Amino acid sequence: MAQQPGRKLRNQVNYIRGQAEGVGRMLDNGSPSADVVVQLRAMRAGIDRALRLALEGSAREQLAAELRARVLACPGLCDYCDDLDAIVAELDLSEVIGKVAAA
């Protein structure tokens, strides 16, 4: 079963926190700077992933709200009103979010 988007984001933030604590220990222990840089880059990649997850969740919420508003404004004569939740759930926004996050 797939995780909820909010849960994925929380897990990612926890992972980043753990990485930051690890970097702090590396600094306390006098680890070589090159090793610290590797870990900092891993943290940056984790932050980028968290940003994409947050943007994707926001985009889904905004799109779902707009679709619901339009359905509520509809007199109920269309055949698509009942399918909106399924459509929103199936949207794959990862490509769009990736482009937004890269900008």
Protein backbone atom coordinates (compact mmCIF):
# COMPACT_ATOMS: atom_id res chain seq x y z
CA MET A 1 0.00 0.00 0.00
CA ALA A 2 1.37 3.43 -0.96
CA GLN A 3 2.13 5.97 1.74
CA GLN A 4 0.13 9.17 1.97
CA PRO A 5 1.99 12.19 0.53
CA GLY A 6 2.14 13.88 3.95
CA ARG A 7 3.63 10.75 5.50
CA LYS A 8 6.29 10.57 2.77
CA LEU A 9 7.23 14.18 3.44
CA ARG A 10 7.42 13.59 7.21
CA ASN A 11 9.65 10.54 6.65
CA GLN A 12 11.90 12.57 4.35
CA VAL A 13 12.22 15.37 6.90
CA ASN A 14 13.10 12.81 9.59
CA TYR A 15 15.74 11.35 7.28
CA ILE A 16 17.26 14.80 6.68
CA ARG A 17 17.28 15.44 10.43
CA GLY A 18 19.17 12.20 10.96
CA GLN A 19 21.66 13.15 8.28
CA ALA A 20 22.20 16.56 9.90
CA GLU A 21 22.84 14.93 13.26
CA GLY A 22 25.32 12.58 11.59
CA VAL A 23 27.16 15.50 10.02
CA GLY A 24 27.33 17.17 13.43
CA ARG A 25 28.90 14.02 14.91
CA MET A 26 31.36 13.90 12.01
CA LEU A 27 32.41 17.46 12.77
CA ASP A 28 32.72 16.71 16.48
CA ASN A 29 34.88 13.67 15.71
CA GLY A 30 37.13 15.55 13.30
CA SER A 31 36.13 13.61 10.19
CA PRO A 32 37.86 14.62 6.96
CA SER A 33 36.26 17.55 5.17
CA ALA A 34 35.79 15.48 2.00
CA ASP A 35 33.61 13.02 3.94
CA VAL A 36 31.58 15.86 5.43
CA VAL A 37 31.05 17.32 1.95
CA VAL A 38 29.71 13.98 0.71
CA GLN A 39 27.19 13.90 3.56
CA LEU A 40 26.19 17.53 3.01
CA ARG A 41 25.53 16.77 -0.65
CA ALA A 42 23.38 13.83 0.41
CA MET A 43 21.47 16.19 2.71
CA ARG A 44 20.96 18.63 -0.15
CA ALA A 45 19.57 15.82 -2.32
CA GLY A 46 17.24 14.89 0.54
CA ILE A 47 16.08 18.48 0.89
CA ASP A 48 15.42 18.62 -2.87
CA ARG A 49 13.29 15.48 -2.56
CA ALA A 50 11.38 16.97 0.38
CA LEU A 51 10.75 20.11 -1.65
CA ARG A 52 9.39 18.08 -4.56
CA LEU A 53 7.10 16.14 -2.21
CA ALA A 54 5.80 19.37 -0.66
CA LEU A 55 5.24 20.97 -4.07
CA GLU A 56 3.48 17.89 -5.37
CA GLY A 57 1.17 17.83 -2.36
CA SER A 58 0.39 21.51 -2.74
CA ALA A 59 -0.28 21.17 -6.47
CA ARG A 60 -2.60 18.21 -5.90
CA GLU A 61 -4.51 20.08 -3.20
CA GLN A 62 -4.92 23.19 -5.34
CA LEU A 63 -5.97 21.20 -8.40
CA ALA A 64 -8.45 19.14 -6.38
CA ALA A 65 -9.94 22.30 -4.84
CA GLU A 66 -10.34 23.89 -8.28
CA LEU A 67 -11.94 20.76 -9.73
CA ARG A 68 -14.33 20.49 -6.78
CA ALA A 69 -15.29 24.17 -7.11
CA ARG A 70 -16.09 23.68 -10.78
CA VAL A 71 -18.14 20.56 -10.07
CA LEU A 72 -20.11 22.40 -7.39
CA ALA A 73 -20.82 25.12 -9.94
CA CYS A 74 -21.98 22.49 -12.45
CA PRO A 75 -25.74 21.96 -12.65
CA GLY A 76 -25.10 18.21 -12.49
CA LEU A 77 -25.75 17.52 -16.11
CA CYS A 78 -22.33 16.12 -16.98
CA ASP A 79 -21.16 12.53 -16.69
CA TYR A 80 -17.84 13.42 -15.08
CA CYS A 81 -18.84 14.76 -11.68
CA ASP A 82 -18.58 11.39 -9.92
CA ASP A 83 -15.14 10.67 -11.38
CA LEU A 84 -13.26 13.75 -10.14
CA ASP A 85 -11.78 12.21 -7.01
CA ALA A 86 -10.49 9.24 -8.99
CA ILE A 87 -9.00 11.54 -11.61
CA VAL A 88 -7.20 13.65 -9.00
CA ALA A 89 -5.90 10.53 -7.25
CA GLU A 90 -4.45 9.19 -10.51
CA LEU A 91 -2.69 12.40 -11.55
CA ASP A 92 1.05 12.00 -11.94
CA LEU A 93 2.49 15.41 -11.22
CA SER A 94 6.07 14.26 -10.71
CA GLU A 95 7.31 15.55 -14.07
CA VAL A 96 5.68 18.94 -13.60
CA ILE A 97 6.92 19.19 -10.00
CA GLY A 98 10.45 18.26 -11.08
CA LYS A 99 10.48 21.11 -13.58
CA VAL A 100 9.14 23.59 -11.01
CA ALA A 101 11.65 22.49 -8.38
CA ALA A 102 14.52 22.80 -10.87
CA ALA A 103 13.55 26.36 -11.78
